[in-house]
Amino acid sequence: MIVTTSSALRVDVADLLRHGGGRREVHLSAPTGELAGDLSAGPVQMAPGADLRVDFSLERVGEGIVARGTVSGSWRAACSRCLVPIERAISVRVDELFEERPVEGETYAIEGDHIDLEPVVRDNLLVELPAAPHCRDDCRGLCPRCGADLNVASCSCDPDEPDPRWDALRELHL
């Protein structure tokens, strides 16, 4: 059964399937909004409305078609230390195999004379997004007491003052 999808990253590969050893360059651009599903990992998301750039070399091999190249775009998030909005570029190297009978979790499907690069793009991008993004390496974050941004100014809070949320536990004597 052939499943047809309408993806912005669907590519006709009939020419490659008919000629062993054939190779072709593919350069595509698609706004993140045209891709199905969520392009985010935790607090980080691919920049809404921004273009994803796909630059692949497709090569016919005995098992199917190998897609090699890069996916580039930008992501947005709030700094995990100071909550300042940040946006950074990302470029991910891709090397994946498409087969007529794909192995779940290992290879991707050739659907008739087409391959859909969207799952490859999604799978490779999402694992490269940062889990706890920082606006800069030396970000000092927010004061846990008053919430002041310590990158902008220092606060008058006593760093040695105990956190009152732990008072009940301090009264336990074990």
Protein backbone atom coordinates (compact mmCIF):
# COMPACT_ATOMS: atom_id res chain seq x y z
CA MET A 1 0.00 0.00 0.00
CA ILE A 2 1.37 3.40 -0.95
CA VAL A 3 0.71 6.21 1.48
CA THR A 4 0.62 9.64 -0.08
CA THR A 5 1.34 12.73 1.92
CA SER A 6 1.32 16.37 1.01
CA SER A 7 4.54 17.56 2.53
CA ALA A 8 6.47 20.68 1.57
CA LEU A 9 9.55 18.44 1.55
CA ARG A 10 8.24 15.62 -0.67
CA VAL A 11 10.66 14.83 -3.52
CA ASP A 12 10.11 12.85 -6.73
CA VAL A 13 12.92 10.28 -7.03
CA ALA A 14 11.66 8.26 -10.02
CA ASP A 15 14.81 9.11 -11.99
CA LEU A 16 17.05 7.77 -9.22
CA LEU A 17 15.04 4.59 -8.74
CA ARG A 18 15.43 3.72 -12.44
CA HIS A 19 19.20 4.30 -12.61
CA GLY A 20 21.53 2.55 -10.18
CA GLY A 21 24.28 4.78 -8.86
CA GLY A 22 22.46 7.95 -9.89
CA ARG A 23 22.93 11.09 -7.86
CA ARG A 24 21.08 14.40 -7.61
CA GLU A 25 21.32 17.56 -5.54
CA VAL A 26 18.18 18.84 -3.83
CA HIS A 27 17.86 22.35 -2.41
CA LEU A 28 14.55 23.13 -0.72
CA SER A 29 13.20 25.81 1.55
CA ALA A 30 10.01 25.53 3.58
CA PRO A 31 8.51 27.74 6.27
CA THR A 32 8.21 25.87 9.56
CA GLY A 33 4.47 26.54 9.48
CA GLU A 34 4.10 24.38 6.35
CA LEU A 35 5.47 21.32 8.11
CA ALA A 36 3.12 18.96 9.90
CA GLY A 37 3.33 18.63 13.65
CA ASP A 38 5.32 20.34 16.33
CA LEU A 39 8.94 21.34 15.78
CA SER A 40 9.85 21.86 19.41
CA ALA A 41 11.73 20.08 22.16
CA GLY A 42 10.93 21.21 25.68
CA PRO A 43 11.23 24.99 25.92
CA VAL A 44 12.90 25.32 22.51
CA GLN A 45 11.02 25.57 19.23
CA MET A 46 12.05 26.10 15.67
CA ALA A 47 11.34 29.76 14.93
CA PRO A 48 7.71 29.98 13.80
CA GLY A 49 7.39 31.25 10.24
CA ALA A 50 11.13 31.07 9.62
CA ASP A 51 12.42 29.03 6.70
CA LEU A 52 14.10 25.68 7.03
CA ARG A 53 16.77 25.16 4.40
CA VAL A 54 17.41 21.62 3.14
CA ASP A 55 20.53 20.98 1.08
CA PHE A 56 20.83 17.27 0.31
CA SER A 57 22.57 15.00 -2.11
CA LEU A 58 20.35 12.04 -2.99
CA GLU A 59 22.18 8.93 -4.18
CA ARG A 60 20.78 5.64 -5.43
CA VAL A 61 22.34 2.70 -3.60
CA GLY A 62 21.48 -1.01 -3.65
CA GLU A 63 19.18 -0.78 -0.63
CA GLY A 64 17.39 2.40 -1.72
CA ILE A 65 18.30 6.08 -1.64
CA VAL A 66 20.72 7.78 0.72
CA ALA A 67 20.04 11.40 1.66
CA ARG A 68 23.12 13.28 2.86
CA GLY A 69 23.49 16.95 3.60
CA THR A 70 22.41 19.67 5.99
CA VAL A 71 19.25 21.15 7.41
CA SER A 72 19.50 24.75 8.56
CA GLY A 73 17.14 27.07 10.36
CA SER A 74 16.76 28.97 13.58
CA TRP A 75 15.26 28.21 16.97
CA ARG A 76 13.73 30.37 19.68
CA ALA A 77 13.48 29.98 23.43
CA ALA A 78 13.77 31.83 26.70
CA CYS A 79 17.17 31.62 28.41
CA SER A 80 16.90 28.92 31.06
CA ARG A 81 18.76 31.13 33.54
CA CYS A 82 17.43 34.68 33.03
CA LEU A 83 14.35 34.15 30.81
CA VAL A 84 15.51 36.63 28.14
CA PRO A 85 14.16 35.65 24.69
CA ILE A 86 16.89 34.25 22.44
CA GLU A 87 17.10 33.07 18.85
CA ARG A 88 19.98 31.09 17.40
CA ALA A 89 20.84 29.49 14.08
CA ILE A 90 21.13 25.73 13.83
CA SER A 91 22.65 23.55 11.13
CA VAL A 92 22.43 19.78 11.39
CA ARG A 93 24.26 17.15 9.34
CA VAL A 94 21.99 14.40 7.96
CA ASP A 95 22.87 10.96 6.59
CA GLU A 96 19.78 8.74 6.24
CA LEU A 97 18.59 5.80 4.15
CA PHE A 98 15.21 5.48 2.39
CA GLU A 99 14.02 1.97 1.51
CA GLU A 100 10.93 0.37 -0.01
CA ARG A 101 10.62 -1.74 3.15
CA PRO A 102 11.92 0.53 5.90
CA VAL A 103 13.08 -0.77 9.26
CA GLU A 104 11.08 1.08 11.91
CA GLY A 105 13.24 3.55 13.80
CA GLU A 106 16.23 3.00 11.49
CA THR A 107 15.32 3.86 7.89
CA TYR A 108 12.65 5.84 6.07
CA ALA A 109 10.07 4.84 3.45
CA ILE A 110 10.18 5.25 -0.30
CA GLU A 111 6.53 5.92 -1.19
CA GLY A 112 6.06 4.94 -4.83
CA ASP A 113 8.34 7.31 -6.73
CA HIS A 114 8.67 9.80 -3.85
CA ILE A 115 10.46 10.29 -0.57
CA ASP A 116 9.31 12.63 2.15
CA LEU A 117 12.23 14.48 3.74
CA GLU A 118 10.05 15.99 6.47
CA PRO A 119 10.40 13.10 8.97
CA VAL A 120 14.18 13.09 8.40
CA VAL A 121 14.35 16.84 8.97
CA ARG A 122 12.21 16.60 12.12
CA ASP A 123 14.08 13.62 13.62
CA ASN A 124 17.51 15.13 13.04
CA LEU A 125 16.65 18.68 14.14
CA LEU A 126 14.82 17.85 17.34
CA VAL A 127 17.68 15.85 18.86
CA GLU A 128 20.07 18.75 18.26
CA LEU A 129 18.00 21.47 19.94
CA PRO A 130 19.48 22.51 23.30
CA ALA A 131 17.74 21.17 26.42
CA ALA A 132 18.57 24.24 28.53
CA PRO A 133 19.46 27.15 26.26
CA HIS A 134 21.47 30.10 27.58
CA CYS A 135 21.56 33.65 26.26
CA ARG A 136 25.33 33.55 26.81
CA ASP A 137 27.81 31.23 28.53
CA ASP A 138 28.36 33.53 31.51
CA CYS A 139 24.66 34.28 32.14
CA ARG A 140 24.19 34.93 35.89
CA GLY A 141 20.44 34.30 35.81
CA LEU A 142 17.82 35.67 38.17
CA CYS A 143 18.10 36.19 41.92
CA PRO A 144 16.14 33.33 43.54
CA ARG A 145 14.80 35.71 46.21
CA CYS A 146 13.77 38.93 44.47
CA GLY A 147 13.89 37.91 40.80
CA ALA A 148 16.33 40.63 39.72
CA ASP A 149 18.21 39.95 36.49
CA LEU A 150 21.78 39.57 37.77
CA ASN A 151 23.17 40.26 34.28
CA VAL A 152 21.78 43.80 34.45
CA ALA A 153 22.35 44.72 38.09
CA SER A 154 23.11 43.13 41.43
CA CYS A 155 20.49 43.00 44.15
CA SER A 156 20.66 43.57 47.91
CA CYS A 157 19.52 40.07 48.88
CA ASP A 158 21.71 38.17 51.37
CA PRO A 159 22.96 35.04 49.56
CA ASP A 160 23.48 33.26 52.92
CA GLU A 161 19.93 33.87 54.14
CA PRO A 162 18.13 30.50 54.35
CA ASP A 163 15.24 29.88 51.99
CA PRO A 164 12.00 30.09 54.01
CA ARG A 165 10.42 27.32 51.95
CA TRP A 166 12.66 24.84 53.82
CA ASP A 167 11.74 26.03 57.35
CA ALA A 168 9.47 23.05 58.07
CA LEU A 169 12.24 20.62 57.22
CA ARG A 170 14.77 22.46 59.40
CA GLU A 171 12.56 21.76 62.41
CA LEU A 172 12.82 17.99 61.88
CA HIS A 173 15.35 16.28 64.14
CA LEU A 174 16.35 12.88 62.84
